[in-house]
Amino acid sequence: MKEWTWFQAGLALAASFLLAVVLVKPIGVSTQFVILDGMMASTIDASLVVVDDSTSSGYASSNAYLNKSGGKYAANIAKPLNYGLVFVVAMFGGGLLSRMLRKEKSPRQIPEVHEARYGNKAWPRYVAAFVGGQIVLWGARLAGGCTSGHMMSGMMQTAVSGYLFAAAAFVVALPTAFLVYKKKGGA
């Protein structure tokens, strides 16, 4: 199976986003992590999410964040089998399927650029990826959405905020990449 070019992958991504918007709703996944947190918290405190017929969703929460939008997040915690959860699980499944279909079964675990800068141990890369992911997720929730929601779906819907977010992301990402992956010994 031949690997896709960046152009083919870009077209497939665009088609996926378009299908999602046409068939269900714009793509965005960071909210699902809030729902997962709420599901875990509700096992400890059963009163976190309660049935409330006076809200548009039919659920309410003692947590103001989970209670916003008429208890929409509270409803997703009470009934977690929804589009968001299925989408996140499908992302992991798609990654696994892609890995299994790959011809080269043991790809290089550490990219050359990372190895040149930080050595050949995998665990620092995993720790850095985990910490970076937590920072990005925290920022995404602080901004009210993730890169797929703000940038990809937002730009596709021609939202000015999507374009502003994309510009800001690249303004920060490029210097960060140069700082993190600069050549040893200067340059």
N, C-alpha and C. Protein backbone atom coordinates (compact mmCIF):
# COMPACT_ATOMS: atom_id res chain seq x y z
N MET A 1 0.85 -1.18 0.00
CA MET A 1 0.00 0.00 0.00
C MET A 1 0.89 1.25 0.00
N LYS A 2 0.72 2.08 -0.99
CA LYS A 2 1.54 3.28 -1.15
C LYS A 2 1.11 4.34 -0.13
N GLU A 3 2.10 5.03 0.47
CA GLU A 3 1.78 6.09 1.42
C GLU A 3 1.24 7.30 0.69
N TRP A 4 0.35 8.03 1.32
CA TRP A 4 -0.26 9.20 0.73
C TRP A 4 0.71 10.37 0.73
N THR A 5 0.58 11.24 -0.26
CA THR A 5 1.34 12.49 -0.27
C THR A 5 0.65 13.45 0.70
N TRP A 6 1.31 14.54 1.01
CA TRP A 6 0.69 15.54 1.89
C TRP A 6 -0.58 16.09 1.26
N PHE A 7 -0.60 16.19 -0.07
CA PHE A 7 -1.76 16.72 -0.78
C PHE A 7 -2.95 15.76 -0.67
N GLN A 8 -2.69 14.48 -0.88
CA GLN A 8 -3.77 13.48 -0.76
C GLN A 8 -4.31 13.44 0.67
N ALA A 9 -3.42 13.49 1.64
CA ALA A 9 -3.84 13.48 3.04
C ALA A 9 -4.66 14.73 3.36
N GLY A 10 -4.24 15.87 2.82
CA GLY A 10 -4.98 17.12 3.02
C GLY A 10 -6.38 17.05 2.43
N LEU A 11 -6.50 16.47 1.24
CA LEU A 11 -7.82 16.31 0.62
C LEU A 11 -8.71 15.38 1.45
N ALA A 12 -8.11 14.30 1.95
CA ALA A 12 -8.88 13.37 2.79
C ALA A 12 -9.35 14.05 4.07
N LEU A 13 -8.48 14.86 4.67
CA LEU A 13 -8.85 15.60 5.88
C LEU A 13 -9.98 16.58 5.59
N ALA A 14 -9.86 17.31 4.48
CA ALA A 14 -10.90 18.27 4.10
C ALA A 14 -12.23 17.55 3.86
N ALA A 15 -12.18 16.41 3.19
CA ALA A 15 -13.40 15.64 2.94
C ALA A 15 -14.02 15.16 4.25
N SER A 16 -13.18 14.73 5.20
CA SER A 16 -13.69 14.28 6.50
C SER A 16 -14.38 15.41 7.24
N PHE A 17 -13.77 16.59 7.24
CA PHE A 17 -14.37 17.74 7.91
C PHE A 17 -15.68 18.14 7.25
N LEU A 18 -15.69 18.13 5.91
CA LEU A 18 -16.91 18.49 5.19
C LEU A 18 -18.03 17.50 5.49
N LEU A 19 -17.73 16.21 5.45
CA LEU A 19 -18.74 15.19 5.77
C LEU A 19 -19.28 15.36 7.19
N ALA A 20 -18.38 15.64 8.13
CA ALA A 20 -18.82 15.82 9.52
C ALA A 20 -19.78 16.99 9.63
N VAL A 21 -19.46 18.11 8.98
CA VAL A 21 -20.33 19.28 9.05
C VAL A 21 -21.67 19.00 8.39
N VAL A 22 -21.65 18.36 7.24
CA VAL A 22 -22.88 18.10 6.50
C VAL A 22 -23.75 17.08 7.24
N LEU A 23 -23.13 16.02 7.78
CA LEU A 23 -23.91 14.94 8.38
C LEU A 23 -24.22 15.12 9.87
N VAL A 24 -23.31 15.74 10.63
CA VAL A 24 -23.53 15.83 12.07
C VAL A 24 -23.33 17.25 12.58
N LYS A 25 -22.06 17.66 12.75
CA LYS A 25 -21.72 18.99 13.24
C LYS A 25 -20.23 19.20 13.03
N PRO A 26 -19.74 20.43 13.19
CA PRO A 26 -18.30 20.66 13.02
C PRO A 26 -17.48 19.84 14.01
N ILE A 27 -16.29 19.47 13.58
CA ILE A 27 -15.41 18.64 14.40
C ILE A 27 -14.74 19.47 15.49
N GLY A 28 -14.66 18.92 16.66
CA GLY A 28 -13.97 19.49 17.81
C GLY A 28 -13.97 18.42 18.89
N VAL A 29 -12.84 18.21 19.56
CA VAL A 29 -12.79 17.08 20.49
C VAL A 29 -12.40 17.44 21.93
N SER A 30 -11.88 18.63 22.17
CA SER A 30 -11.40 18.91 23.52
C SER A 30 -12.52 18.89 24.55
N THR A 31 -13.72 19.23 24.16
CA THR A 31 -14.85 19.19 25.09
C THR A 31 -15.07 17.78 25.62
N GLN A 32 -14.77 16.78 24.82
CA GLN A 32 -15.00 15.41 25.25
C GLN A 32 -14.13 15.05 26.45
N PHE A 33 -12.98 15.70 26.60
CA PHE A 33 -12.15 15.45 27.77
C PHE A 33 -12.79 16.04 29.03
N VAL A 34 -13.49 17.15 28.88
CA VAL A 34 -14.25 17.72 29.99
C VAL A 34 -15.36 16.74 30.39
N ILE A 35 -16.00 16.18 29.38
CA ILE A 35 -17.07 15.20 29.64
C ILE A 35 -16.50 13.98 30.36
N LEU A 36 -15.34 13.50 29.92
CA LEU A 36 -14.69 12.36 30.58
C LEU A 36 -14.36 12.68 32.04
N ASP A 37 -13.82 13.88 32.28
CA ASP A 37 -13.55 14.31 33.67
C ASP A 37 -14.84 14.31 34.48
N GLY A 38 -15.90 14.83 33.89
CA GLY A 38 -17.18 14.88 34.59
C GLY A 38 -17.73 13.49 34.88
N MET A 39 -17.53 12.56 33.94
CA MET A 39 -17.98 11.18 34.16
C MET A 39 -17.24 10.57 35.35
N MET A 40 -15.93 10.81 35.42
CA MET A 40 -15.15 10.27 36.55
C MET A 40 -15.57 10.94 37.85
N ALA A 41 -15.76 12.27 37.82
CA ALA A 41 -16.15 12.99 39.04
C ALA A 41 -17.54 12.58 39.51
N SER A 42 -18.43 12.29 38.58
CA SER A 42 -19.79 11.91 38.97
C SER A 42 -19.84 10.53 39.62
N THR A 43 -18.82 9.69 39.42
CA THR A 43 -18.78 8.41 40.14
C THR A 43 -18.44 8.63 41.62
N ILE A 44 -17.74 9.74 41.91
CA ILE A 44 -17.40 10.07 43.29
C ILE A 44 -18.53 10.86 43.94
N ASP A 45 -19.11 11.79 43.19
CA ASP A 45 -20.19 12.63 43.71
C ASP A 45 -21.41 12.49 42.80
N ALA A 46 -22.33 11.65 43.18
CA ALA A 46 -23.51 11.37 42.36
C ALA A 46 -24.40 12.59 42.16
N SER A 47 -24.26 13.60 43.02
CA SER A 47 -25.10 14.80 42.90
C SER A 47 -24.51 15.82 41.91
N LEU A 48 -23.40 15.50 41.29
CA LEU A 48 -22.77 16.42 40.33
C LEU A 48 -23.68 16.66 39.12
N VAL A 49 -24.34 15.63 38.63
CA VAL A 49 -25.27 15.74 37.51
C VAL A 49 -26.62 15.17 37.95
N VAL A 50 -27.66 15.97 37.78
CA VAL A 50 -28.99 15.54 38.18
C VAL A 50 -29.99 15.81 37.05
N VAL A 51 -31.08 15.06 37.06
CA VAL A 51 -32.16 15.29 36.10
C VAL A 51 -32.85 16.59 36.50
N ASP A 52 -33.07 17.47 35.51
CA ASP A 52 -33.72 18.76 35.76
C ASP A 52 -34.55 19.12 34.53
N ASP A 53 -35.84 18.93 34.63
CA ASP A 53 -36.73 19.17 33.48
C ASP A 53 -36.84 20.64 33.11
N SER A 54 -36.36 21.54 33.97
CA SER A 54 -36.47 22.97 33.67
C SER A 54 -35.37 23.44 32.71
N THR A 55 -34.37 22.60 32.44
CA THR A 55 -33.30 22.97 31.50
C THR A 55 -33.59 22.42 30.11
N SER A 56 -32.98 23.01 29.11
CA SER A 56 -33.23 22.57 27.73
C SER A 56 -32.71 21.16 27.47
N SER A 57 -31.68 20.74 28.21
CA SER A 57 -31.11 19.40 28.01
C SER A 57 -31.78 18.34 28.87
N GLY A 58 -32.48 18.79 29.91
CA GLY A 58 -33.09 17.85 30.84
C GLY A 58 -32.17 17.47 31.98
N TYR A 59 -30.97 18.06 32.03
CA TYR A 59 -30.00 17.78 33.10
C TYR A 59 -29.40 19.08 33.59
N ALA A 60 -28.91 19.04 34.84
CA ALA A 60 -28.23 20.19 35.43
C ALA A 60 -27.06 19.69 36.26
N SER A 61 -26.17 20.61 36.59
CA SER A 61 -25.01 20.25 37.39
C SER A 61 -24.75 21.33 38.44
N SER A 62 -24.20 20.92 39.57
CA SER A 62 -23.81 21.88 40.59
C SER A 62 -22.53 22.62 40.18
N ASN A 63 -21.85 22.12 39.14
CA ASN A 63 -20.66 22.76 38.60
C ASN A 63 -21.11 23.73 37.51
N ALA A 64 -20.76 25.00 37.66
CA ALA A 64 -21.22 26.03 36.71
C ALA A 64 -20.76 25.75 35.28
N TYR A 65 -19.55 25.24 35.12
CA TYR A 65 -19.04 24.97 33.77
C TYR A 65 -19.84 23.86 33.10
N LEU A 66 -20.13 22.79 33.84
CA LEU A 66 -20.90 21.69 33.29
C LEU A 66 -22.37 22.05 33.08
N ASN A 67 -22.82 23.08 33.76
CA ASN A 67 -24.21 23.49 33.69
C ASN A 67 -24.48 24.50 32.58
N LYS A 68 -23.43 25.02 31.94
CA LYS A 68 -23.66 26.04 30.92
C LYS A 68 -24.37 25.47 29.71
N SER A 69 -24.90 26.33 28.90
CA SER A 69 -25.66 25.96 27.70
C SER A 69 -26.85 25.07 28.03
N GLY A 70 -27.55 25.42 29.09
CA GLY A 70 -28.74 24.65 29.45
C GLY A 70 -28.45 23.25 29.94
N GLY A 71 -27.26 23.06 30.53
CA GLY A 71 -26.89 21.74 31.05
C GLY A 71 -26.44 20.77 29.98
N LYS A 72 -25.98 21.30 28.84
CA LYS A 72 -25.57 20.43 27.72
C LYS A 72 -24.44 19.48 28.12
N TYR A 73 -23.44 20.00 28.83
CA TYR A 73 -22.33 19.12 29.26
C TYR A 73 -22.82 18.12 30.30
N ALA A 74 -23.70 18.55 31.20
CA ALA A 74 -24.26 17.65 32.21
C ALA A 74 -25.01 16.50 31.53
N ALA A 75 -25.75 16.82 30.46
CA ALA A 75 -26.48 15.78 29.72
C ALA A 75 -25.51 14.79 29.07
N ASN A 76 -24.41 15.29 28.53
CA ASN A 76 -23.42 14.40 27.92
C ASN A 76 -22.74 13.51 28.96
N ILE A 77 -22.61 14.00 30.18
CA ILE A 77 -22.03 13.18 31.25
C ILE A 77 -23.03 12.09 31.66
N ALA A 78 -24.30 12.47 31.75
CA ALA A 78 -25.33 11.50 32.13
C ALA A 78 -25.53 10.44 31.06
N LYS A 79 -25.42 10.84 29.79
CA LYS A 79 -25.58 9.93 28.66
C LYS A 79 -24.35 10.05 27.76
N PRO A 80 -23.26 9.40 28.14
CA PRO A 80 -21.99 9.63 27.45
C PRO A 80 -21.87 9.03 26.06
N LEU A 81 -22.72 8.08 25.70
CA LEU A 81 -22.61 7.50 24.37
C LEU A 81 -23.22 8.47 23.36
N ASN A 82 -22.35 9.35 22.84
CA ASN A 82 -22.80 10.38 21.91
C ASN A 82 -21.74 10.56 20.82
N TYR A 83 -22.01 11.47 19.91
CA TYR A 83 -21.12 11.72 18.78
C TYR A 83 -19.69 12.03 19.23
N GLY A 84 -19.53 12.88 20.25
CA GLY A 84 -18.19 13.26 20.71
C GLY A 84 -17.37 12.09 21.19
N LEU A 85 -17.98 11.23 22.02
CA LEU A 85 -17.25 10.07 22.54
C LEU A 85 -16.92 9.10 21.42
N VAL A 86 -17.87 8.84 20.54
CA VAL A 86 -17.62 7.94 19.42
C VAL A 86 -16.51 8.49 18.54
N PHE A 87 -16.51 9.80 18.32
CA PHE A 87 -15.48 10.43 17.48
C PHE A 87 -14.09 10.26 18.10
N VAL A 88 -13.96 10.50 19.41
CA VAL A 88 -12.66 10.37 20.06
C VAL A 88 -12.18 8.91 20.03
N VAL A 89 -13.06 7.97 20.30
CA VAL A 89 -12.69 6.55 20.24
C VAL A 89 -12.29 6.18 18.81
N ALA A 90 -13.02 6.71 17.83
CA ALA A 90 -12.70 6.43 16.43
C ALA A 90 -11.34 7.01 16.03
N MET A 91 -10.95 8.13 16.64
CA MET A 91 -9.62 8.69 16.36
C MET A 91 -8.53 7.71 16.79
N PHE A 92 -8.67 7.16 17.98
CA PHE A 92 -7.69 6.18 18.45
C PHE A 92 -7.74 4.93 17.58
N GLY A 93 -8.94 4.48 17.26
CA GLY A 93 -9.09 3.30 16.40
C GLY A 93 -8.50 3.52 15.01
N GLY A 94 -8.71 4.70 14.46
CA GLY A 94 -8.15 5.03 13.15
C GLY A 94 -6.63 5.05 13.17
N GLY A 95 -6.06 5.58 14.25
CA GLY A 95 -4.60 5.58 14.40
C GLY A 95 -4.07 4.16 14.48
N LEU A 96 -4.74 3.31 15.24
CA LEU A 96 -4.33 1.92 15.36
C LEU A 96 -4.45 1.20 14.02
N LEU A 97 -5.55 1.41 13.32
CA LEU A 97 -5.75 0.80 12.01
C LEU A 97 -4.67 1.26 11.02
N SER A 98 -4.36 2.53 11.04
CA SER A 98 -3.32 3.07 10.17
C SER A 98 -1.98 2.42 10.46
N ARG A 99 -1.68 2.26 11.74
CA ARG A 99 -0.42 1.62 12.14
C ARG A 99 -0.37 0.16 11.70
N MET A 100 -1.49 -0.54 11.82
CA MET A 100 -1.53 -1.95 11.45
C MET A 100 -1.42 -2.14 9.93
N LEU A 101 -1.95 -1.19 9.15
CA LEU A 101 -1.90 -1.30 7.70
C LEU A 101 -0.59 -0.81 7.10
N ARG A 102 0.23 -0.20 7.91
CA ARG A 102 1.51 0.33 7.42
C ARG A 102 2.43 -0.81 7.00
N LYS A 103 3.09 -0.66 5.86
CA LYS A 103 4.01 -1.69 5.38
C LYS A 103 5.18 -1.90 6.33
N GLU A 104 5.82 -0.80 6.70
CA GLU A 104 6.98 -0.88 7.59
C GLU A 104 6.46 -1.07 9.01
N LYS A 105 6.61 -2.27 9.55
CA LYS A 105 6.00 -2.60 10.84
C LYS A 105 6.77 -2.07 12.05
N SER A 106 8.02 -1.73 11.87
CA SER A 106 8.77 -1.19 13.01
C SER A 106 9.40 0.14 12.60
N PRO A 107 8.57 1.18 12.49
CA PRO A 107 9.12 2.48 12.10
C PRO A 107 10.03 3.04 13.19
N ARG A 108 10.85 3.94 12.80
CA ARG A 108 11.76 4.61 13.72
C ARG A 108 10.93 5.30 14.81
N GLN A 109 11.15 4.94 16.05
CA GLN A 109 10.37 5.49 17.15
C GLN A 109 10.77 6.91 17.51
N ILE A 110 12.02 7.27 17.21
CA ILE A 110 12.49 8.61 17.54
C ILE A 110 12.96 9.26 16.24
N PRO A 111 12.30 10.34 15.82
CA PRO A 111 12.74 11.02 14.60
C PRO A 111 14.18 11.51 14.72
N GLU A 112 14.88 11.55 13.58
CA GLU A 112 16.29 11.95 13.58
C GLU A 112 16.50 13.31 14.21
N VAL A 113 15.62 14.27 13.91
CA VAL A 113 15.80 15.61 14.45
C VAL A 113 15.71 15.61 15.97
N HIS A 114 14.82 14.78 16.53
CA HIS A 114 14.70 14.69 17.99
C HIS A 114 15.92 13.99 18.58
N GLU A 115 16.36 12.91 17.93
CA GLU A 115 17.52 12.17 18.42
C GLU A 115 18.77 13.04 18.41
N ALA A 116 18.94 13.84 17.36
CA ALA A 116 20.11 14.71 17.26
C ALA A 116 20.12 15.74 18.39
N ARG A 117 18.95 16.19 18.80
CA ARG A 117 18.87 17.23 19.83
C ARG A 117 18.84 16.66 21.24
N TYR A 118 18.15 15.53 21.44
CA TYR A 118 17.90 15.04 22.79
C TYR A 118 18.39 13.62 23.08
N GLY A 119 18.97 12.95 22.11
CA GLY A 119 19.45 11.60 22.34
C GLY A 119 18.49 10.54 21.84
N ASN A 120 18.83 9.26 22.10
CA ASN A 120 18.04 8.18 21.51
C ASN A 120 17.11 7.45 22.48
N LYS A 121 16.88 8.00 23.64
CA LYS A 121 15.95 7.38 24.58
C LYS A 121 14.51 7.81 24.25
N ALA A 122 13.61 6.84 24.26
CA ALA A 122 12.21 7.13 23.90
C ALA A 122 11.45 7.79 25.06
N TRP A 123 11.76 7.44 26.31
CA TRP A 123 10.92 7.93 27.42
C TRP A 123 10.92 9.46 27.54
N PRO A 124 12.04 10.19 27.30
CA PRO A 124 11.92 11.66 27.38
C PRO A 124 10.97 12.21 26.31
N ARG A 125 10.96 11.58 25.15
CA ARG A 125 10.05 12.00 24.09
C ARG A 125 8.60 11.79 24.51
N TYR A 126 8.31 10.65 25.13
CA TYR A 126 6.95 10.38 25.59
C TYR A 126 6.53 11.34 26.70
N VAL A 127 7.44 11.62 27.63
CA VAL A 127 7.14 12.57 28.71
C VAL A 127 6.88 13.95 28.13
N ALA A 128 7.74 14.38 27.22
CA ALA A 128 7.57 15.70 26.59
C ALA A 128 6.25 15.77 25.83
N ALA A 129 5.91 14.70 25.12
CA ALA A 129 4.65 14.68 24.37
C ALA A 129 3.46 14.74 25.32
N PHE A 130 3.53 14.01 26.44
CA PHE A 130 2.44 14.01 27.41
C PHE A 130 2.28 15.39 28.05
N VAL A 131 3.38 15.97 28.51
CA VAL A 131 3.33 17.29 29.14
C VAL A 131 2.84 18.33 28.14
N GLY A 132 3.38 18.28 26.92
CA GLY A 132 2.94 19.21 25.89
C GLY A 132 1.47 19.06 25.58
N GLY A 133 0.99 17.82 25.53
CA GLY A 133 -0.42 17.57 25.29
C GLY A 133 -1.31 18.12 26.40
N GLN A 134 -0.86 18.00 27.65
CA GLN A 134 -1.63 18.54 28.77
C GLN A 134 -1.70 20.06 28.69
N ILE A 135 -0.59 20.70 28.32
CA ILE A 135 -0.57 22.16 28.19
C ILE A 135 -1.50 22.61 27.06
N VAL A 136 -1.44 21.90 25.93
CA VAL A 136 -2.30 22.24 24.80
C VAL A 136 -3.77 22.03 25.17
N LEU A 137 -4.08 20.94 25.85
CA LEU A 137 -5.46 20.68 26.25
C LEU A 137 -5.96 21.74 27.22
N TRP A 138 -5.12 22.12 28.18
CA TRP A 138 -5.50 23.18 29.13
C TRP A 138 -5.77 24.48 28.37
N GLY A 139 -4.88 24.83 27.44
CA GLY A 139 -5.08 26.03 26.64
C GLY A 139 -6.32 25.96 25.78
N ALA A 140 -6.58 24.78 25.24
CA ALA A 140 -7.77 24.60 24.41
C ALA A 140 -9.04 24.84 25.21
N ARG A 141 -9.10 24.29 26.39
CA ARG A 141 -10.30 24.49 27.21
C ARG A 141 -10.39 25.93 27.68
N LEU A 142 -9.25 26.55 27.96
CA LEU A 142 -9.24 27.95 28.36
C LEU A 142 -9.80 28.82 27.23
N ALA A 143 -9.48 28.44 25.99
CA ALA A 143 -9.94 29.19 24.81
C ALA A 143 -11.35 28.77 24.39
N GLY A 144 -11.90 27.75 25.01
CA GLY A 144 -13.24 27.31 24.67
C GLY A 144 -13.29 26.38 23.47
N GLY A 145 -12.18 25.76 23.13
CA GLY A 145 -12.16 24.82 22.02
C GLY A 145 -10.75 24.45 21.62
N CYS A 146 -10.63 23.45 20.80
CA CYS A 146 -9.31 22.94 20.41
C CYS A 146 -8.94 23.39 19.01
N THR A 147 -7.76 22.97 18.56
CA THR A 147 -7.31 23.37 17.23
C THR A 147 -8.23 22.86 16.14
N SER A 148 -8.76 21.67 16.32
CA SER A 148 -9.68 21.16 15.28
C SER A 148 -10.96 21.96 15.27
N GLY A 149 -11.43 22.39 16.42
CA GLY A 149 -12.65 23.19 16.47
C GLY A 149 -12.42 24.62 16.02
N HIS A 150 -11.40 25.27 16.59
CA HIS A 150 -11.14 26.67 16.26
C HIS A 150 -10.54 26.84 14.87
N MET A 151 -9.47 26.10 14.59
CA MET A 151 -8.74 26.32 13.36
C MET A 151 -9.39 25.61 12.17
N MET A 152 -9.46 24.30 12.24
CA MET A 152 -9.93 23.53 11.09
C MET A 152 -11.41 23.78 10.80
N SER A 153 -12.26 23.53 11.77
CA SER A 153 -13.69 23.74 11.54
C SER A 153 -14.01 25.22 11.40
N GLY A 154 -13.34 26.05 12.20
CA GLY A 154 -13.60 27.49 12.14
C GLY A 154 -13.24 28.08 10.80
N MET A 155 -12.07 27.73 10.27
CA MET A 155 -11.66 28.26 8.97
C MET A 155 -12.56 27.73 7.86
N MET A 156 -12.97 26.47 7.97
CA MET A 156 -13.83 25.88 6.96
C MET A 156 -15.18 26.61 6.91
N GLN A 157 -15.60 27.12 8.05
CA GLN A 157 -16.87 27.86 8.11
C GLN A 157 -16.65 29.37 7.90
N THR A 158 -15.44 29.73 7.51
CA THR A 158 -15.01 31.12 7.27
C THR A 158 -15.24 32.02 8.48
N ALA A 159 -15.01 31.48 9.67
CA ALA A 159 -15.11 32.28 10.89
C ALA A 159 -13.82 33.08 11.07
N VAL A 160 -13.95 34.37 11.29
CA VAL A 160 -12.78 35.23 11.50
C VAL A 160 -11.95 34.70 12.66
N SER A 161 -12.62 34.24 13.72
CA SER A 161 -11.90 33.71 14.89
C SER A 161 -11.03 32.51 14.51
N GLY A 162 -11.49 31.70 13.56
CA GLY A 162 -10.70 30.55 13.11
C GLY A 162 -9.41 31.00 12.44
N TYR A 163 -9.50 32.02 11.60
CA TYR A 163 -8.31 32.55 10.93
C TYR A 163 -7.36 33.21 11.92
N LEU A 164 -7.92 33.94 12.89
CA LEU A 164 -7.08 34.57 13.91
C LEU A 164 -6.38 33.52 14.77
N PHE A 165 -7.11 32.48 15.13
CA PHE A 165 -6.50 31.41 15.92
C PHE A 165 -5.38 30.73 15.15
N ALA A 166 -5.61 30.43 13.86
CA ALA A 166 -4.59 29.78 13.04
C ALA A 166 -3.34 30.65 12.95
N ALA A 167 -3.52 31.93 12.74
CA ALA A 167 -2.38 32.84 12.66
C ALA A 167 -1.61 32.86 13.98
N ALA A 168 -2.34 32.94 15.08
CA ALA A 168 -1.69 32.95 16.40
C ALA A 168 -0.96 31.64 16.66
N ALA A 169 -1.56 30.53 16.27
CA ALA A 169 -0.93 29.22 16.48
C ALA A 169 0.40 29.14 15.74
N PHE A 170 0.43 29.59 14.51
CA PHE A 170 1.67 29.53 13.74
C PHE A 170 2.70 30.55 14.23
N VAL A 171 2.24 31.71 14.67
CA VAL A 171 3.16 32.72 15.20
C VAL A 171 3.89 32.17 16.44
N VAL A 172 3.21 31.35 17.21
CA VAL A 172 3.82 30.75 18.40
C VAL A 172 4.56 29.45 18.06
N ALA A 173 3.99 28.63 17.19
CA ALA A 173 4.56 27.31 16.90
C ALA A 173 5.90 27.38 16.18
N LEU A 174 6.05 28.26 15.23
CA LEU A 174 7.30 28.31 14.46
C LEU A 174 8.51 28.68 15.33
N PRO A 175 8.46 29.77 16.10
CA PRO A 175 9.62 30.06 16.95
C PRO A 175 9.86 28.97 18.00
N THR A 176 8.78 28.36 18.49
CA THR A 176 8.94 27.27 19.47
C THR A 176 9.67 26.10 18.84
N ALA A 177 9.32 25.73 17.62
CA ALA A 177 9.99 24.62 16.93
C ALA A 177 11.47 24.94 16.72
N PHE A 178 11.77 26.17 16.33
CA PHE A 178 13.17 26.55 16.13
C PHE A 178 13.94 26.51 17.45
N LEU A 179 13.29 26.92 18.54
CA LEU A 179 13.93 26.89 19.85
C LEU A 179 14.16 25.46 20.32
N VAL A 180 13.15 24.62 20.20
CA VAL A 180 13.24 23.24 20.69
C VAL A 180 14.20 22.40 19.85
N TYR A 181 14.18 22.58 18.54
CA TYR A 181 14.98 21.72 17.66
C TYR A 181 16.17 22.41 17.03
N LYS A 182 16.69 23.44 17.68
CA LYS A 182 17.88 24.08 17.12
C LYS A 182 19.05 23.12 17.14
N LYS A 183 20.01 23.38 16.26
CA LYS A 183 21.17 22.50 16.17
C LYS A 183 22.03 22.64 17.41
N LYS A 184 22.65 21.54 17.83
CA LYS A 184 23.56 21.59 18.97
C LYS A 184 24.77 22.44 18.60
N GLY A 185 25.27 23.19 19.57
CA GLY A 185 26.47 23.97 19.35
C GLY A 185 26.19 25.33 18.73
N GLY A 186 24.98 25.84 18.89
CA GLY A 186 24.67 27.17 18.37
C GLY A 186 23.60 27.13 17.33
N ALA A 187 23.86 27.78 16.21
CA ALA A 187 22.96 27.87 15.05
C ALA A 187 21.57 27.69 15.46
